[in-house]
Amino acid sequence: MAIGYRPIDPQDLAEVHAFTLFCENSRRDSTEGYIPDSDDERQKIGEEIVAQLTLDASKHHCLAAFDEGAMIGVIRLHMMTLDNLPACHVRALWVHPDQRGRGVATRLKELAETWARAQGSAFMDANVRVTNERMIALNTRMGYEVARLNFRKRLD
């Protein structure tokens, strides 16, 4: 069966919850020493997503990929101003490990770019950890370039 792509339904709280967990997994996939969100944090994030999509869908977009009705990948977008230009920031992108290699992340980013263009975005912006070789390769294949470097120093 073909993979389907569509915005999540902010009225479907089960779908919003699943989307929230997938977004949380995007942090888990790329962060050493990841600390999971609490149930209260997940609830708050879900409520934030519903409010954003309901009140200002021109600035927020939550798209998911489905295979046989099951969510298999997500992308969460936020319109903002960067370098004095309208930009679309990828807040989260995650595909279930069992579904990787099927082009889901690429298709989600393509659909994200289409949405961003329709919102008047001058460019897409995404943060990728230097250890996430698969996502670096995907971004490079899709024409993304390094725009800035983020330096960090642990102070413990």
C-alpha atoms as a PDB file:
ATOM      1  CA  MET A   1       0.000   0.000   0.000  1.00  0.00           C
ATOM      2  CA  ALA A   2       1.203   3.542  -0.741  1.00  0.00           C
ATOM      3  CA  ILE A   3       2.297   5.871   2.015  1.00  0.00           C
ATOM      4  CA  GLY A   4      -0.124   8.756   2.574  1.00  0.00           C
ATOM      5  CA  TYR A   5       0.859  12.251   3.701  1.00  0.00           C
ATOM      6  CA  ARG A   6      -1.431  14.821   5.302  1.00  0.00           C
ATOM      7  CA  PRO A   7      -1.584  17.490   8.006  1.00  0.00           C
ATOM      8  CA  ILE A   8      -2.492  16.162  11.407  1.00  0.00           C
ATOM      9  CA  ASP A   9      -6.021  16.820  12.625  1.00  0.00           C
ATOM     10  CA  PRO A  10      -5.856  19.088  15.711  1.00  0.00           C
ATOM     11  CA  GLN A  11      -9.325  17.844  16.719  1.00  0.00           C
ATOM     12  CA  ASP A  12      -8.097  14.228  16.888  1.00  0.00           C
ATOM     13  CA  LEU A  13      -6.371  14.187  20.282  1.00  0.00           C
ATOM     14  CA  ALA A  14      -5.044  10.648  19.812  1.00  0.00           C
ATOM     15  CA  GLU A  15      -3.390  11.725  16.571  1.00  0.00           C
ATOM     16  CA  VAL A  16      -1.974  14.852  18.251  1.00  0.00           C
ATOM     17  CA  HIS A  17      -0.582  12.666  21.053  1.00  0.00           C
ATOM     18  CA  ALA A  18       1.067  10.279  18.566  1.00  0.00           C
ATOM     19  CA  PHE A  19       2.497  13.273  16.682  1.00  0.00           C
ATOM     20  CA  THR A  20       3.871  14.678  19.966  1.00  0.00           C
ATOM     21  CA  LEU A  21       5.597  11.362  20.740  1.00  0.00           C
ATOM     22  CA  PHE A  22       7.165  11.255  17.272  1.00  0.00           C
ATOM     23  CA  CYS A  23       8.470  14.816  17.747  1.00  0.00           C
ATOM     24  CA  GLU A  24       9.891  13.771  21.112  1.00  0.00           C
ATOM     25  CA  ASN A  25      11.625  10.859  19.374  1.00  0.00           C
ATOM     26  CA  SER A  26      13.336  13.326  17.029  1.00  0.00           C
ATOM     27  CA  ARG A  27      15.169  14.678  20.076  1.00  0.00           C
ATOM     28  CA  ARG A  28      15.829  11.201  21.461  1.00  0.00           C
ATOM     29  CA  ASP A  29      17.342  10.047  18.162  1.00  0.00           C
ATOM     30  CA  SER A  30      19.931  12.773  18.145  1.00  0.00           C
ATOM     31  CA  THR A  31      20.664  13.667  21.743  1.00  0.00           C
ATOM     32  CA  GLU A  32      23.137  11.910  23.977  1.00  0.00           C
ATOM     33  CA  GLY A  33      21.831  11.626  27.515  1.00  0.00           C
ATOM     34  CA  TYR A  34      18.244  12.229  26.376  1.00  0.00           C
ATOM     35  CA  ILE A  35      15.733  12.774  29.184  1.00  0.00           C
ATOM     36  CA  PRO A  36      12.181  11.818  28.128  1.00  0.00           C
ATOM     37  CA  ASP A  37       9.348  14.305  28.514  1.00  0.00           C
ATOM     38  CA  SER A  38       7.030  13.715  31.445  1.00  0.00           C
ATOM     39  CA  ASP A  39       3.367  12.956  30.826  1.00  0.00           C
ATOM     40  CA  ASP A  40       2.589  16.534  31.922  1.00  0.00           C
ATOM     41  CA  GLU A  41       5.119  17.934  29.431  1.00  0.00           C
ATOM     42  CA  ARG A  42       3.663  15.788  26.654  1.00  0.00           C
ATOM     43  CA  GLN A  43       0.173  17.027  27.505  1.00  0.00           C
ATOM     44  CA  LYS A  44       1.372  20.642  27.461  1.00  0.00           C
ATOM     45  CA  ILE A  45       3.137  20.193  24.093  1.00  0.00           C
ATOM     46  CA  GLY A  46       0.026  18.541  22.636  1.00  0.00           C
ATOM     47  CA  GLU A  47      -2.110  21.454  23.820  1.00  0.00           C
ATOM     48  CA  GLU A  48       0.432  23.901  22.336  1.00  0.00           C
ATOM     49  CA  ILE A  49       0.253  22.117  18.971  1.00  0.00           C
ATOM     50  CA  VAL A  50      -3.553  22.189  18.959  1.00  0.00           C
ATOM     51  CA  ALA A  51      -3.578  25.896  19.853  1.00  0.00           C
ATOM     52  CA  GLN A  52      -1.003  26.764  17.195  1.00  0.00           C
ATOM     53  CA  LEU A  53      -2.813  24.875  14.452  1.00  0.00           C
ATOM     54  CA  THR A  54      -6.205  26.206  15.493  1.00  0.00           C
ATOM     55  CA  LEU A  55      -5.257  29.850  16.061  1.00  0.00           C
ATOM     56  CA  ASP A  56      -2.570  30.467  13.431  1.00  0.00           C
ATOM     57  CA  ALA A  57      -2.172  27.720  10.844  1.00  0.00           C
ATOM     58  CA  SER A  58      -0.284  30.129   8.569  1.00  0.00           C
ATOM     59  CA  LYS A  59       2.672  30.021  10.973  1.00  0.00           C
ATOM     60  CA  HIS A  60       2.539  26.380  12.079  1.00  0.00           C
ATOM     61  CA  HIS A  61       2.249  23.176  10.110  1.00  0.00           C
ATOM     62  CA  CYS A  62       2.285  19.595  11.385  1.00  0.00           C
ATOM     63  CA  LEU A  63       2.459  16.971   8.665  1.00  0.00           C
ATOM     64  CA  ALA A  64       2.534  13.206   9.102  1.00  0.00           C
ATOM     65  CA  ALA A  65       3.141  10.156   6.951  1.00  0.00           C
ATOM     66  CA  PHE A  66       0.833   7.156   7.334  1.00  0.00           C
ATOM     67  CA  ASP A  67       1.137   3.571   6.178  1.00  0.00           C
ATOM     68  CA  GLU A  68      -2.032   1.476   6.482  1.00  0.00           C
ATOM     69  CA  GLY A  69      -3.421   4.032   8.941  1.00  0.00           C
ATOM     70  CA  ALA A  70      -0.398   3.994  11.249  1.00  0.00           C
ATOM     71  CA  MET A  71       1.696   7.118  11.683  1.00  0.00           C
ATOM     72  CA  ILE A  72       5.241   6.393  10.495  1.00  0.00           C
ATOM     73  CA  GLY A  73       6.853   9.832  10.212  1.00  0.00           C
ATOM     74  CA  VAL A  74       6.335  13.498  11.084  1.00  0.00           C
ATOM     75  CA  ILE A  75       7.592  16.982  10.389  1.00  0.00           C
ATOM     76  CA  ARG A  76       6.751  20.047  12.491  1.00  0.00           C
ATOM     77  CA  LEU A  77       7.228  23.482  10.936  1.00  0.00           C
ATOM     78  CA  HIS A  78       7.211  27.023  12.241  1.00  0.00           C
ATOM     79  CA  MET A  79       7.299  30.226  10.211  1.00  0.00           C
ATOM     80  CA  MET A  80       9.581  32.882  11.690  1.00  0.00           C
ATOM     81  CA  THR A  81      11.891  35.712  10.709  1.00  0.00           C
ATOM     82  CA  LEU A  82      15.572  34.855  10.312  1.00  0.00           C
ATOM     83  CA  ASP A  83      18.191  37.255   8.962  1.00  0.00           C
ATOM     84  CA  ASN A  84      15.322  39.735   8.378  1.00  0.00           C
ATOM     85  CA  LEU A  85      13.594  37.340   5.962  1.00  0.00           C
ATOM     86  CA  PRO A  86      10.528  35.120   6.303  1.00  0.00           C
ATOM     87  CA  ALA A  87      11.780  31.607   6.976  1.00  0.00           C
ATOM     88  CA  CYS A  88      10.375  28.197   7.742  1.00  0.00           C
ATOM     89  CA  HIS A  89      12.113  26.362  10.571  1.00  0.00           C
ATOM     90  CA  VAL A  90      11.906  22.586  10.886  1.00  0.00           C
ATOM     91  CA  ARG A  91      11.220  22.049  14.588  1.00  0.00           C
ATOM     92  CA  ALA A  92      11.115  18.265  14.342  1.00  0.00           C
ATOM     93  CA  LEU A  93      11.502  15.571  11.707  1.00  0.00           C
ATOM     94  CA  TRP A  94      11.385  11.901  12.591  1.00  0.00           C
ATOM     95  CA  VAL A  95      10.634   8.642  10.820  1.00  0.00           C
ATOM     96  CA  HIS A  96      10.094   5.381  12.678  1.00  0.00           C
ATOM     97  CA  PRO A  97      13.284   3.259  12.395  1.00  0.00           C
ATOM     98  CA  ASP A  98      11.351   0.383  10.767  1.00  0.00           C
ATOM     99  CA  GLN A  99      10.241   2.755   7.984  1.00  0.00           C
ATOM    100  CA  ARG A 100      13.555   4.435   7.192  1.00  0.00           C
ATOM    101  CA  GLY A 101      15.045   4.042   3.745  1.00  0.00           C
ATOM    102  CA  ARG A 102      11.646   4.356   2.031  1.00  0.00           C
ATOM    103  CA  GLY A 103      11.983   8.063   1.192  1.00  0.00           C
ATOM    104  CA  VAL A 104       9.574   9.210   3.912  1.00  0.00           C
ATOM    105  CA  ALA A 105      11.847  11.933   5.358  1.00  0.00           C
ATOM    106  CA  THR A 106      12.653  13.217   1.871  1.00  0.00           C
ATOM    107  CA  ARG A 107       8.968  13.399   0.955  1.00  0.00           C
ATOM    108  CA  LEU A 108       8.081  15.115   4.239  1.00  0.00           C
ATOM    109  CA  LYS A 109      10.756  17.755   3.570  1.00  0.00           C
ATOM    110  CA  GLU A 110       9.545  18.216  -0.023  1.00  0.00           C
ATOM    111  CA  LEU A 111       5.991  18.767   1.215  1.00  0.00           C
ATOM    112  CA  ALA A 112       7.325  21.106   3.914  1.00  0.00           C
ATOM    113  CA  GLU A 113       9.097  23.174   1.256  1.00  0.00           C
ATOM    114  CA  THR A 114       5.876  23.406  -0.767  1.00  0.00           C
ATOM    115  CA  TRP A 115       3.974  24.629   2.301  1.00  0.00           C
ATOM    116  CA  ALA A 116       6.741  27.107   3.194  1.00  0.00           C
ATOM    117  CA  ARG A 117       6.751  28.575  -0.329  1.00  0.00           C
ATOM    118  CA  ALA A 118       2.972  29.038  -0.112  1.00  0.00           C
ATOM    119  CA  GLN A 119       3.491  30.950   3.170  1.00  0.00           C
ATOM    120  CA  GLY A 120       6.011  33.277   1.471  1.00  0.00           C
ATOM    121  CA  SER A 121       9.108  31.791   3.053  1.00  0.00           C
ATOM    122  CA  ALA A 122      12.451  32.859   1.569  1.00  0.00           C
ATOM    123  CA  PHE A 123      14.213  29.735   2.844  1.00  0.00           C
ATOM    124  CA  MET A 124      14.030  26.646   5.030  1.00  0.00           C
ATOM    125  CA  ASP A 125      16.058  26.371   8.222  1.00  0.00           C
ATOM    126  CA  ALA A 126      16.847  23.200  10.162  1.00  0.00           C
ATOM    127  CA  ASN A 127      19.213  22.215  12.948  1.00  0.00           C
ATOM    128  CA  VAL A 128      21.020  18.890  12.646  1.00  0.00           C
ATOM    129  CA  ARG A 129      23.451  17.376  15.129  1.00  0.00           C
ATOM    130  CA  VAL A 130      26.924  16.843  13.695  1.00  0.00           C
ATOM    131  CA  THR A 131      26.668  13.141  14.580  1.00  0.00           C
ATOM    132  CA  ASN A 132      23.455  12.629  12.581  1.00  0.00           C
ATOM    133  CA  GLU A 133      25.113  11.531   9.352  1.00  0.00           C
ATOM    134  CA  ARG A 134      21.895  10.299   7.719  1.00  0.00           C
ATOM    135  CA  MET A 135      20.142  13.659   8.146  1.00  0.00           C
ATOM    136  CA  ILE A 136      23.228  15.593   7.047  1.00  0.00           C
ATOM    137  CA  ALA A 137      23.347  13.462   3.889  1.00  0.00           C
ATOM    138  CA  LEU A 138      19.606  13.956   3.251  1.00  0.00           C
ATOM    139  CA  ASN A 139      19.882  17.731   3.627  1.00  0.00           C
ATOM    140  CA  THR A 140      22.915  17.861   1.349  1.00  0.00           C
ATOM    141  CA  ARG A 141      21.152  15.778  -1.334  1.00  0.00           C
ATOM    142  CA  MET A 142      18.186  18.146  -1.145  1.00  0.00           C
ATOM    143  CA  GLY A 143      20.348  21.247  -1.672  1.00  0.00           C
ATOM    144  CA  TYR A 144      20.618  22.528   1.898  1.00  0.00           C
ATOM    145  CA  GLU A 145      23.833  24.299   2.878  1.00  0.00           C
ATOM    146  CA  VAL A 146      25.413  25.084   6.238  1.00  0.00           C
ATOM    147  CA  ALA A 147      24.289  28.590   7.216  1.00  0.00           C
ATOM    148  CA  ARG A 148      25.721  28.886  10.727  1.00  0.00           C
ATOM    149  CA  LEU A 149      27.518  26.790  13.283  1.00  0.00           C
ATOM    150  CA  ASN A 150      26.339  26.314  16.844  1.00  0.00           C
ATOM    151  CA  PHE A 151      29.148  25.924  19.373  1.00  0.00           C
ATOM    152  CA  ARG A 152      28.637  24.453  22.831  1.00  0.00           C
ATOM    153  CA  LYS A 153      30.868  24.083  25.854  1.00  0.00           C
ATOM    154  CA  ARG A 154      29.840  21.968  28.846  1.00  0.00           C
ATOM    155  CA  LEU A 155      30.308  23.799  32.114  1.00  0.00           C
ATOM    156  CA  ASP A 156      30.021  20.946  34.629  1.00  0.00           C
END
